Amino acid sequence: MCADRRSFVKTACLAGLCGWVGENTAAASGEVRAQPEAPTAAALAQKWIATLLPVLATGDREHAKRALKRCSKAHYDDLNMQVTVDRFRGHLDEFLAFLRQEWAWIIDYDRDRGIIEVNENKRTCVCPLVQKGHGADLGLLCYCSEGFAETMFSEVFGSPVRAEVTESILRGHKSCKYRIELKPSRP
């Protein structure tokens, strides 16, 4: 088992998810148990995330950040973002105009410094994994948003960029804001 997978399994078990997996694989071993009514996929995802994120928060934060940034690929692919981004490859100004017009983002672009400041201009979190009113601290999910923004802007810009969520609804702010460094000073 590779180190990343081993770390994930360890984290999941610490979060109490191993028992759930064991119960649900009993049927595979031939054991028959009465199954309770299955929760909806969305409800299960909410509970799973709300259980896992606090455990990730107690560990190595940089490891959690890297893992959640990688998870952004699932949302990026689900939205078929590559098709949208491919239309703007090499045309950053047109892409920024698209984000302003179609997504209502407020954008400030400092060409000389290679810095893009983005305000999503929304009063609610747009993450599909966040349920309104959920009691868990889901602020770690913003690392996934950083990964999403890095992928999107790197594709358009034509080289790696660095994205940082500077303000977030999940972290107590009024809107989600990003800083995109087109010429990152660090990896």
N, C-alpha and C. Protein backbone atom coordinates (compact mmCIF):
# COMPACT_ATOMS: atom_id res chain seq x y z
N MET A 1 0.86 -1.17 0.00
CA MET A 1 0.00 0.00 0.00
C MET A 1 0.90 1.23 0.00
N CYS A 2 0.65 2.19 -0.87
CA CYS A 2 1.49 3.38 -0.95
C CYS A 2 1.28 4.26 0.29
N ALA A 3 2.25 5.13 0.56
CA ALA A 3 2.23 5.96 1.75
C ALA A 3 1.00 6.86 1.81
N ASP A 4 0.61 7.47 0.68
CA ASP A 4 -0.56 8.35 0.68
C ASP A 4 -1.82 7.59 1.02
N ARG A 5 -1.98 6.41 0.43
CA ARG A 5 -3.17 5.60 0.70
C ARG A 5 -3.16 5.13 2.15
N ARG A 6 -2.00 4.72 2.65
CA ARG A 6 -1.88 4.28 4.04
C ARG A 6 -2.27 5.42 4.97
N SER A 7 -1.80 6.62 4.68
CA SER A 7 -2.11 7.79 5.49
C SER A 7 -3.61 8.07 5.45
N PHE A 8 -4.22 7.95 4.26
CA PHE A 8 -5.65 8.18 4.13
C PHE A 8 -6.44 7.18 4.96
N VAL A 9 -6.07 5.89 4.87
CA VAL A 9 -6.78 4.85 5.61
C VAL A 9 -6.64 5.10 7.11
N LYS A 10 -5.44 5.45 7.55
CA LYS A 10 -5.22 5.73 8.96
C LYS A 10 -6.11 6.89 9.40
N THR A 11 -6.15 7.95 8.62
CA THR A 11 -6.97 9.12 8.95
C THR A 11 -8.44 8.74 8.98
N ALA A 12 -8.88 7.97 7.99
CA ALA A 12 -10.28 7.55 7.94
C ALA A 12 -10.64 6.70 9.16
N CYS A 13 -9.75 5.81 9.56
CA CYS A 13 -10.01 4.96 10.73
C CYS A 13 -10.07 5.79 12.00
N LEU A 14 -9.17 6.76 12.11
CA LEU A 14 -9.20 7.64 13.28
C LEU A 14 -10.50 8.42 13.32
N ALA A 15 -11.06 8.71 12.17
CA ALA A 15 -12.32 9.45 12.11
C ALA A 15 -13.53 8.55 12.36
N GLY A 16 -13.30 7.25 12.51
CA GLY A 16 -14.39 6.33 12.80
C GLY A 16 -15.07 5.77 11.57
N LEU A 17 -14.47 5.94 10.41
CA LEU A 17 -15.10 5.47 9.18
C LEU A 17 -14.83 4.00 8.90
N CYS A 18 -13.79 3.43 9.52
CA CYS A 18 -13.48 2.02 9.26
C CYS A 18 -14.62 1.10 9.68
N GLY A 19 -15.27 1.42 10.80
CA GLY A 19 -16.40 0.61 11.23
C GLY A 19 -17.52 0.64 10.22
N TRP A 20 -17.75 1.78 9.64
CA TRP A 20 -18.79 1.91 8.63
C TRP A 20 -18.45 1.03 7.43
N VAL A 21 -17.19 1.07 6.99
CA VAL A 21 -16.77 0.26 5.85
C VAL A 21 -16.92 -1.21 6.18
N GLY A 22 -16.51 -1.61 7.39
CA GLY A 22 -16.61 -3.01 7.80
C GLY A 22 -18.04 -3.50 7.81
N GLU A 23 -18.95 -2.71 8.34
CA GLU A 23 -20.35 -3.09 8.37
C GLU A 23 -20.91 -3.26 6.96
N ASN A 24 -20.52 -2.39 6.08
CA ASN A 24 -21.08 -2.39 4.75
C ASN A 24 -20.42 -3.40 3.82
N THR A 25 -19.33 -4.02 4.24
CA THR A 25 -18.71 -5.07 3.44
C THR A 25 -19.08 -6.45 3.97
N ALA A 26 -19.89 -6.51 5.04
CA ALA A 26 -20.28 -7.80 5.60
C ALA A 26 -21.01 -8.66 4.57
N ALA A 27 -21.84 -8.03 3.77
CA ALA A 27 -22.58 -8.78 2.76
C ALA A 27 -21.64 -9.45 1.76
N ALA A 28 -20.51 -8.83 1.49
CA ALA A 28 -19.54 -9.41 0.55
C ALA A 28 -18.97 -10.71 1.09
N SER A 29 -18.95 -10.87 2.41
CA SER A 29 -18.41 -12.10 3.00
C SER A 29 -19.49 -13.16 3.16
N GLY A 30 -20.70 -12.87 2.74
CA GLY A 30 -21.79 -13.83 2.83
C GLY A 30 -22.68 -13.61 4.04
N GLU A 31 -22.28 -12.75 4.94
CA GLU A 31 -23.07 -12.49 6.12
C GLU A 31 -24.27 -11.62 5.74
N VAL A 32 -25.43 -12.00 6.15
CA VAL A 32 -26.64 -11.26 5.82
C VAL A 32 -27.08 -10.49 7.05
N ARG A 33 -27.22 -9.20 6.89
CA ARG A 33 -27.70 -8.33 7.97
C ARG A 33 -28.80 -7.45 7.42
N ALA A 34 -29.73 -7.13 8.27
CA ALA A 34 -30.77 -6.18 7.87
C ALA A 34 -30.11 -4.82 7.73
N GLN A 35 -30.30 -4.20 6.60
CA GLN A 35 -29.69 -2.91 6.34
C GLN A 35 -30.67 -1.79 6.67
N PRO A 36 -30.20 -0.80 7.42
CA PRO A 36 -31.08 0.35 7.64
C PRO A 36 -31.27 1.10 6.32
N GLU A 37 -32.27 1.94 6.29
CA GLU A 37 -32.51 2.73 5.08
C GLU A 37 -31.27 3.57 4.77
N ALA A 38 -30.81 3.47 3.54
CA ALA A 38 -29.59 4.18 3.14
C ALA A 38 -29.84 5.68 3.07
N PRO A 39 -28.88 6.46 3.58
CA PRO A 39 -29.03 7.91 3.45
C PRO A 39 -28.81 8.31 1.99
N THR A 40 -29.25 9.48 1.65
CA THR A 40 -29.00 9.97 0.30
C THR A 40 -27.49 10.15 0.14
N ALA A 41 -27.04 10.15 -1.08
CA ALA A 41 -25.61 10.33 -1.34
C ALA A 41 -25.14 11.67 -0.78
N ALA A 42 -25.94 12.70 -0.92
CA ALA A 42 -25.56 14.03 -0.43
C ALA A 42 -25.46 14.03 1.10
N ALA A 43 -26.40 13.39 1.78
CA ALA A 43 -26.36 13.35 3.24
C ALA A 43 -25.15 12.55 3.71
N LEU A 44 -24.88 11.46 3.05
CA LEU A 44 -23.71 10.65 3.40
C LEU A 44 -22.42 11.44 3.18
N ALA A 45 -22.32 12.14 2.06
CA ALA A 45 -21.13 12.94 1.78
C ALA A 45 -20.95 14.02 2.84
N GLN A 46 -22.03 14.67 3.25
CA GLN A 46 -21.95 15.71 4.28
C GLN A 46 -21.43 15.13 5.59
N LYS A 47 -21.97 14.00 5.99
CA LYS A 47 -21.55 13.37 7.25
C LYS A 47 -20.09 12.91 7.16
N TRP A 48 -19.73 12.34 6.03
CA TRP A 48 -18.37 11.85 5.82
C TRP A 48 -17.37 13.00 5.91
N ILE A 49 -17.68 14.10 5.24
CA ILE A 49 -16.80 15.27 5.24
C ILE A 49 -16.72 15.88 6.63
N ALA A 50 -17.87 16.02 7.29
CA ALA A 50 -17.90 16.62 8.62
C ALA A 50 -17.13 15.77 9.63
N THR A 51 -17.01 14.49 9.40
CA THR A 51 -16.24 13.61 10.27
C THR A 51 -14.76 13.66 9.94
N LEU A 52 -14.43 13.68 8.67
CA LEU A 52 -13.03 13.62 8.24
C LEU A 52 -12.27 14.93 8.46
N LEU A 53 -12.87 16.06 8.15
CA LEU A 53 -12.14 17.33 8.20
C LEU A 53 -11.58 17.67 9.58
N PRO A 54 -12.32 17.49 10.66
CA PRO A 54 -11.71 17.79 11.96
C PRO A 54 -10.50 16.90 12.27
N VAL A 55 -10.52 15.67 11.80
CA VAL A 55 -9.38 14.78 12.00
C VAL A 55 -8.19 15.28 11.19
N LEU A 56 -8.43 15.68 9.95
CA LEU A 56 -7.35 16.24 9.14
C LEU A 56 -6.78 17.49 9.78
N ALA A 57 -7.63 18.29 10.40
CA ALA A 57 -7.19 19.55 11.01
C ALA A 57 -6.25 19.33 12.18
N THR A 58 -6.34 18.16 12.83
CA THR A 58 -5.48 17.90 13.98
C THR A 58 -4.12 17.36 13.57
N GLY A 59 -3.96 16.99 12.32
CA GLY A 59 -2.69 16.42 11.85
C GLY A 59 -1.82 17.45 11.18
N ASP A 60 -0.99 16.98 10.29
CA ASP A 60 -0.07 17.83 9.54
C ASP A 60 -0.89 18.68 8.57
N ARG A 61 -0.96 19.96 8.82
CA ARG A 61 -1.80 20.86 8.02
C ARG A 61 -1.33 20.92 6.56
N GLU A 62 -0.02 20.90 6.34
CA GLU A 62 0.49 20.93 4.96
C GLU A 62 0.09 19.67 4.19
N HIS A 63 0.10 18.53 4.88
CA HIS A 63 -0.34 17.28 4.25
C HIS A 63 -1.83 17.37 3.89
N ALA A 64 -2.63 17.89 4.82
CA ALA A 64 -4.07 18.06 4.56
C ALA A 64 -4.28 19.01 3.40
N LYS A 65 -3.51 20.09 3.35
CA LYS A 65 -3.63 21.08 2.28
C LYS A 65 -3.33 20.44 0.92
N ARG A 66 -2.23 19.67 0.84
CA ARG A 66 -1.87 19.00 -0.42
C ARG A 66 -2.94 18.02 -0.84
N ALA A 67 -3.45 17.25 0.10
CA ALA A 67 -4.48 16.24 -0.21
C ALA A 67 -5.76 16.91 -0.72
N LEU A 68 -6.20 17.95 -0.05
CA LEU A 68 -7.44 18.61 -0.45
C LEU A 68 -7.28 19.36 -1.76
N LYS A 69 -6.10 19.91 -2.02
CA LYS A 69 -5.88 20.54 -3.32
C LYS A 69 -6.01 19.50 -4.43
N ARG A 70 -5.49 18.29 -4.19
CA ARG A 70 -5.62 17.23 -5.20
C ARG A 70 -7.08 16.84 -5.41
N CYS A 71 -7.86 16.90 -4.34
CA CYS A 71 -9.28 16.54 -4.43
C CYS A 71 -10.05 17.47 -5.35
N SER A 72 -9.53 18.67 -5.57
CA SER A 72 -10.22 19.63 -6.43
C SER A 72 -10.42 19.10 -7.84
N LYS A 73 -9.59 18.16 -8.26
CA LYS A 73 -9.69 17.58 -9.60
C LYS A 73 -11.07 16.94 -9.82
N ALA A 74 -11.62 16.34 -8.78
CA ALA A 74 -12.94 15.69 -8.92
C ALA A 74 -14.01 16.73 -9.27
N HIS A 75 -14.01 17.87 -8.61
CA HIS A 75 -14.99 18.91 -8.90
C HIS A 75 -14.71 19.54 -10.26
N TYR A 76 -13.44 19.79 -10.55
CA TYR A 76 -13.03 20.36 -11.83
C TYR A 76 -13.53 19.47 -12.98
N ASP A 77 -13.32 18.17 -12.85
CA ASP A 77 -13.77 17.22 -13.88
C ASP A 77 -15.29 17.13 -13.94
N ASP A 78 -15.94 17.14 -12.76
CA ASP A 78 -17.39 17.04 -12.71
C ASP A 78 -18.05 18.22 -13.44
N LEU A 79 -17.44 19.39 -13.35
CA LEU A 79 -17.96 20.58 -14.04
C LEU A 79 -17.50 20.65 -15.50
N ASN A 80 -16.67 19.68 -15.90
CA ASN A 80 -16.11 19.67 -17.26
C ASN A 80 -15.41 21.00 -17.56
N MET A 81 -14.66 21.49 -16.56
CA MET A 81 -14.01 22.79 -16.67
C MET A 81 -12.97 22.84 -17.79
N GLN A 82 -12.38 21.70 -18.12
CA GLN A 82 -11.35 21.73 -19.15
C GLN A 82 -11.88 22.27 -20.47
N VAL A 83 -13.12 21.96 -20.79
CA VAL A 83 -13.73 22.45 -22.02
C VAL A 83 -13.81 23.98 -21.98
N THR A 84 -14.24 24.52 -20.85
CA THR A 84 -14.32 25.98 -20.70
C THR A 84 -12.94 26.61 -20.77
N VAL A 85 -12.01 26.05 -20.01
CA VAL A 85 -10.66 26.60 -19.94
C VAL A 85 -9.95 26.53 -21.29
N ASP A 86 -10.15 25.45 -22.03
CA ASP A 86 -9.49 25.31 -23.34
C ASP A 86 -9.85 26.44 -24.29
N ARG A 87 -11.05 27.00 -24.15
CA ARG A 87 -11.47 28.12 -25.00
C ARG A 87 -10.61 29.36 -24.77
N PHE A 88 -10.01 29.45 -23.58
CA PHE A 88 -9.27 30.66 -23.20
C PHE A 88 -7.76 30.44 -23.07
N ARG A 89 -7.29 29.24 -23.41
CA ARG A 89 -5.86 28.94 -23.27
C ARG A 89 -5.03 30.01 -23.99
N GLY A 90 -4.13 30.64 -23.21
CA GLY A 90 -3.27 31.68 -23.77
C GLY A 90 -3.92 33.05 -23.88
N HIS A 91 -5.16 33.17 -23.43
CA HIS A 91 -5.90 34.44 -23.53
C HIS A 91 -6.43 34.83 -22.16
N LEU A 92 -5.52 35.21 -21.28
CA LEU A 92 -5.88 35.52 -19.90
C LEU A 92 -6.89 36.65 -19.80
N ASP A 93 -6.72 37.72 -20.54
CA ASP A 93 -7.66 38.85 -20.47
C ASP A 93 -9.08 38.43 -20.84
N GLU A 94 -9.21 37.58 -21.85
CA GLU A 94 -10.53 37.10 -22.24
C GLU A 94 -11.12 36.21 -21.15
N PHE A 95 -10.27 35.41 -20.51
CA PHE A 95 -10.74 34.54 -19.43
C PHE A 95 -11.22 35.38 -18.24
N LEU A 96 -10.47 36.43 -17.91
CA LEU A 96 -10.89 37.30 -16.81
C LEU A 96 -12.21 37.99 -17.15
N ALA A 97 -12.39 38.39 -18.40
CA ALA A 97 -13.66 39.00 -18.83
C ALA A 97 -14.80 37.99 -18.68
N PHE A 98 -14.56 36.74 -19.05
CA PHE A 98 -15.55 35.68 -18.89
C PHE A 98 -15.95 35.53 -17.42
N LEU A 99 -14.95 35.48 -16.53
CA LEU A 99 -15.23 35.33 -15.09
C LEU A 99 -16.03 36.51 -14.55
N ARG A 100 -15.73 37.70 -15.04
CA ARG A 100 -16.48 38.88 -14.61
C ARG A 100 -17.93 38.80 -15.10
N GLN A 101 -18.10 38.47 -16.36
CA GLN A 101 -19.43 38.49 -16.97
C GLN A 101 -20.28 37.28 -16.57
N GLU A 102 -19.74 36.10 -16.68
CA GLU A 102 -20.53 34.88 -16.46
C GLU A 102 -20.63 34.46 -14.99
N TRP A 103 -19.56 34.69 -14.22
CA TRP A 103 -19.55 34.26 -12.82
C TRP A 103 -19.72 35.44 -11.86
N ALA A 104 -19.78 36.66 -12.38
CA ALA A 104 -19.95 37.89 -11.58
C ALA A 104 -18.81 38.11 -10.59
N TRP A 105 -17.62 37.62 -10.92
CA TRP A 105 -16.46 37.84 -10.06
C TRP A 105 -15.97 39.27 -10.19
N ILE A 106 -15.49 39.82 -9.10
CA ILE A 106 -14.84 41.12 -9.09
C ILE A 106 -13.33 40.83 -9.13
N ILE A 107 -12.65 41.36 -10.15
CA ILE A 107 -11.25 40.99 -10.38
C ILE A 107 -10.40 42.24 -10.53
N ASP A 108 -9.25 42.22 -9.84
CA ASP A 108 -8.24 43.26 -9.98
C ASP A 108 -6.96 42.57 -10.44
N TYR A 109 -6.44 42.97 -11.61
CA TYR A 109 -5.26 42.34 -12.19
C TYR A 109 -4.12 43.34 -12.26
N ASP A 110 -3.06 43.08 -11.50
CA ASP A 110 -1.85 43.90 -11.52
C ASP A 110 -0.86 43.20 -12.45
N ARG A 111 -0.81 43.63 -13.70
CA ARG A 111 0.04 43.00 -14.72
C ARG A 111 1.52 43.06 -14.35
N ASP A 112 1.96 44.19 -13.82
CA ASP A 112 3.38 44.35 -13.51
C ASP A 112 3.86 43.36 -12.46
N ARG A 113 3.04 43.11 -11.47
CA ARG A 113 3.41 42.16 -10.40
C ARG A 113 2.95 40.74 -10.70
N GLY A 114 2.09 40.57 -11.68
CA GLY A 114 1.56 39.23 -12.00
C GLY A 114 0.65 38.70 -10.91
N ILE A 115 -0.15 39.58 -10.34
CA ILE A 115 -1.06 39.22 -9.24
C ILE A 115 -2.50 39.50 -9.67
N ILE A 116 -3.35 38.51 -9.46
CA ILE A 116 -4.78 38.66 -9.70
C ILE A 116 -5.49 38.51 -8.36
N GLU A 117 -6.26 39.52 -7.99
CA GLU A 117 -7.07 39.47 -6.77
C GLU A 117 -8.51 39.21 -7.23
N VAL A 118 -9.11 38.18 -6.68
CA VAL A 118 -10.45 37.77 -7.08
C VAL A 118 -11.38 37.80 -5.88
N ASN A 119 -12.57 38.35 -6.08
CA ASN A 119 -13.65 38.28 -5.10
C ASN A 119 -14.79 37.55 -5.81
N GLU A 120 -15.17 36.38 -5.28
CA GLU A 120 -16.25 35.61 -5.92
C GLU A 120 -17.57 36.37 -5.93
N ASN A 121 -17.71 37.36 -5.03
CA ASN A 121 -18.89 38.23 -5.04
C ASN A 121 -20.18 37.44 -4.78
N LYS A 122 -20.08 36.48 -3.87
CA LYS A 122 -21.25 35.68 -3.47
C LYS A 122 -21.35 35.75 -1.94
N ARG A 123 -22.54 35.66 -1.42
CA ARG A 123 -22.76 35.69 0.03
C ARG A 123 -22.88 34.30 0.64
N THR A 124 -22.84 33.27 -0.21
CA THR A 124 -22.86 31.89 0.28
C THR A 124 -21.71 31.13 -0.37
N CYS A 125 -21.25 30.11 0.30
CA CYS A 125 -20.18 29.27 -0.23
C CYS A 125 -20.70 28.50 -1.44
N VAL A 126 -19.94 28.48 -2.52
CA VAL A 126 -20.38 27.80 -3.73
C VAL A 126 -19.90 26.34 -3.79
N CYS A 127 -19.16 25.90 -2.79
CA CYS A 127 -18.66 24.52 -2.77
C CYS A 127 -19.84 23.55 -2.73
N PRO A 128 -19.87 22.57 -3.64
CA PRO A 128 -20.99 21.64 -3.66
C PRO A 128 -20.99 20.67 -2.48
N LEU A 129 -19.91 20.64 -1.71
CA LEU A 129 -19.82 19.74 -0.56
C LEU A 129 -20.31 20.36 0.73
N VAL A 130 -20.64 21.64 0.69
CA VAL A 130 -21.03 22.35 1.90
C VAL A 130 -22.54 22.49 1.95
N GLN A 131 -23.09 22.06 3.06
CA GLN A 131 -24.53 22.18 3.26
C GLN A 131 -24.78 23.37 4.18
N LYS A 132 -25.68 24.22 3.82
CA LYS A 132 -25.99 25.38 4.66
C LYS A 132 -26.38 24.91 6.06
N GLY A 133 -25.86 25.62 7.04
CA GLY A 133 -26.23 25.33 8.42
C GLY A 133 -25.53 24.12 9.02
N HIS A 134 -24.63 23.49 8.29
CA HIS A 134 -23.93 22.35 8.84
C HIS A 134 -23.02 22.82 9.96
N GLY A 135 -23.02 22.13 11.09
CA GLY A 135 -22.29 22.60 12.27
C GLY A 135 -20.79 22.38 12.26
N ALA A 136 -20.26 21.60 11.37
CA ALA A 136 -18.83 21.29 11.38
C ALA A 136 -18.00 22.45 10.85
N ASP A 137 -16.74 22.52 11.31
CA ASP A 137 -15.80 23.50 10.79
C ASP A 137 -15.27 22.95 9.46
N LEU A 138 -15.70 23.54 8.38
CA LEU A 138 -15.34 23.05 7.06
C LEU A 138 -14.31 23.93 6.37
N GLY A 139 -13.64 24.81 7.09
CA GLY A 139 -12.69 25.74 6.53
C GLY A 139 -11.55 25.10 5.76
N LEU A 140 -11.20 23.86 6.09
CA LEU A 140 -10.14 23.17 5.34
C LEU A 140 -10.52 22.96 3.88
N LEU A 141 -11.82 22.92 3.58
CA LEU A 141 -12.25 22.72 2.19
C LEU A 141 -11.76 23.83 1.27
N CYS A 142 -11.39 24.96 1.84
CA CYS A 142 -10.90 26.07 1.03
C CYS A 142 -9.59 25.71 0.32
N TYR A 143 -8.85 24.74 0.85
CA TYR A 143 -7.65 24.27 0.15
C TYR A 143 -8.03 23.60 -1.17
N CYS A 144 -9.18 22.95 -1.19
CA CYS A 144 -9.68 22.38 -2.43
C CYS A 144 -9.94 23.49 -3.44
N SER A 145 -10.52 24.59 -2.98
CA SER A 145 -10.76 25.74 -3.86
C SER A 145 -9.46 26.31 -4.41
N GLU A 146 -8.41 26.32 -3.57
CA GLU A 146 -7.11 26.79 -4.05
C GLU A 146 -6.62 25.90 -5.19
N GLY A 147 -6.77 24.59 -5.02
CA GLY A 147 -6.35 23.66 -6.08
C GLY A 147 -7.13 23.85 -7.36
N PHE A 148 -8.43 24.08 -7.22
CA PHE A 148 -9.30 24.32 -8.38
C PHE A 148 -8.82 25.57 -9.12
N ALA A 149 -8.60 26.66 -8.38
CA ALA A 149 -8.15 27.91 -9.00
C ALA A 149 -6.77 27.75 -9.64
N GLU A 150 -5.88 27.02 -8.97
CA GLU A 150 -4.54 26.80 -9.54
C GLU A 150 -4.62 26.06 -10.86
N THR A 151 -5.44 25.02 -10.91
CA THR A 151 -5.59 24.25 -12.15
C THR A 151 -6.15 25.13 -13.26
N MET A 152 -7.22 25.84 -12.96
CA MET A 152 -7.90 26.66 -13.95
C MET A 152 -6.98 27.76 -14.50
N PHE A 153 -6.35 28.52 -13.62
CA PHE A 153 -5.50 29.63 -14.07
C PHE A 153 -4.20 29.12 -14.70
N SER A 154 -3.65 28.01 -14.22
CA SER A 154 -2.43 27.45 -14.83
C SER A 154 -2.69 27.04 -16.27
N GLU A 155 -3.84 26.45 -16.51
CA GLU A 155 -4.20 26.02 -17.87
C GLU A 155 -4.33 27.23 -18.80
N VAL A 156 -4.99 28.27 -18.34
CA VAL A 156 -5.18 29.45 -19.17
C VAL A 156 -3.85 30.20 -19.35
N PHE A 157 -3.10 30.37 -18.26
CA PHE A 157 -1.86 31.14 -18.30
C PHE A 157 -0.74 30.41 -19.04
N GLY A 158 -0.77 29.08 -19.01
CA GLY A 158 0.23 28.30 -19.72
C GLY A 158 1.43 27.91 -18.89
N SER A 159 1.40 28.18 -17.60
CA SER A 159 2.45 27.74 -16.69
C SER A 159 1.88 27.73 -15.27
N PRO A 160 2.55 27.04 -14.36
CA PRO A 160 2.01 26.93 -13.00
C PRO A 160 1.81 28.29 -12.33
N VAL A 161 0.73 28.40 -11.60
CA VAL A 161 0.43 29.58 -10.79
C VAL A 161 0.24 29.11 -9.35
N ARG A 162 0.20 30.06 -8.46
CA ARG A 162 -0.08 29.75 -7.05
C ARG A 162 -1.35 30.49 -6.66
N ALA A 163 -2.28 29.77 -6.04
CA ALA A 163 -3.54 30.38 -5.59
C ALA A 163 -3.62 30.26 -4.07
N GLU A 164 -4.16 31.29 -3.47
CA GLU A 164 -4.37 31.28 -2.02
C GLU A 164 -5.73 31.88 -1.73
N VAL A 165 -6.53 31.20 -0.93
CA VAL A 165 -7.79 31.76 -0.47
C VAL A 165 -7.42 32.72 0.66
N THR A 166 -7.68 34.01 0.45
CA THR A 166 -7.32 35.01 1.45
C THR A 166 -8.48 35.30 2.41
N GLU A 167 -9.69 35.11 1.94
CA GLU A 167 -10.88 35.25 2.78
C GLU A 167 -11.88 34.21 2.31
N SER A 168 -12.70 33.73 3.25
CA SER A 168 -13.65 32.68 2.89
C SER A 168 -14.87 32.73 3.79
N ILE A 169 -15.99 32.42 3.22
CA ILE A 169 -17.22 32.33 3.99
C ILE A 169 -17.09 31.25 5.06
N LEU A 170 -16.46 30.15 4.71
CA LEU A 170 -16.29 29.06 5.68
C LEU A 170 -15.34 29.42 6.81
N ARG A 171 -14.58 30.48 6.61
CA ARG A 171 -13.65 30.95 7.65
C ARG A 171 -14.13 32.25 8.29
N GLY A 172 -15.43 32.55 8.11
CA GLY A 172 -16.05 33.67 8.79
C GLY A 172 -16.09 35.00 8.05
N HIS A 173 -15.76 35.03 6.78
CA HIS A 173 -15.78 36.28 6.01
C HIS A 173 -17.10 36.40 5.24
N LYS A 174 -17.31 37.57 4.65
CA LYS A 174 -18.55 37.84 3.92
C LYS A 174 -18.56 37.26 2.51
N SER A 175 -17.38 37.02 1.94
CA SER A 175 -17.26 36.50 0.58
C SER A 175 -15.95 35.73 0.47
N CYS A 176 -15.82 34.94 -0.57
CA CYS A 176 -14.57 34.21 -0.79
C CYS A 176 -13.68 35.02 -1.72
N LYS A 177 -12.43 35.17 -1.31
CA LYS A 177 -11.47 35.94 -2.09
C LYS A 177 -10.20 35.13 -2.28
N TYR A 178 -9.57 35.32 -3.45
CA TYR A 178 -8.37 34.60 -3.81
C TYR A 178 -7.27 35.57 -4.23
N ARG A 179 -6.06 35.11 -4.09
CA ARG A 179 -4.90 35.80 -4.64
C ARG A 179 -4.23 34.79 -5.56
N ILE A 180 -4.13 35.15 -6.83
CA ILE A 180 -3.50 34.28 -7.82
C ILE A 180 -2.16 34.91 -8.20
N GLU A 181 -1.08 34.17 -7.99
CA GLU A 181 0.25 34.64 -8.37
C GLU A 181 0.64 33.94 -9.67
N LEU A 182 0.71 34.73 -10.75
CA LEU A 182 1.05 34.16 -12.04
C LEU A 182 2.51 33.77 -12.11
N LYS A 183 3.33 34.44 -11.33
CA LYS A 183 4.76 34.11 -11.24
C LYS A 183 5.04 33.78 -9.79
N PRO A 184 4.69 32.56 -9.36
CA PRO A 184 4.79 32.23 -7.95
C PRO A 184 6.22 32.39 -7.41
N SER A 185 6.31 32.98 -6.22
CA SER A 185 7.62 33.17 -5.61
C SER A 185 8.07 31.93 -4.84
N ARG A 186 7.12 31.02 -4.58
CA ARG A 186 7.45 29.77 -3.88
C ARG A 186 6.59 28.66 -4.46
N PRO A 187 7.01 27.42 -4.26
CA PRO A 187 6.24 26.29 -4.83
C PRO A 187 4.89 26.10 -4.22
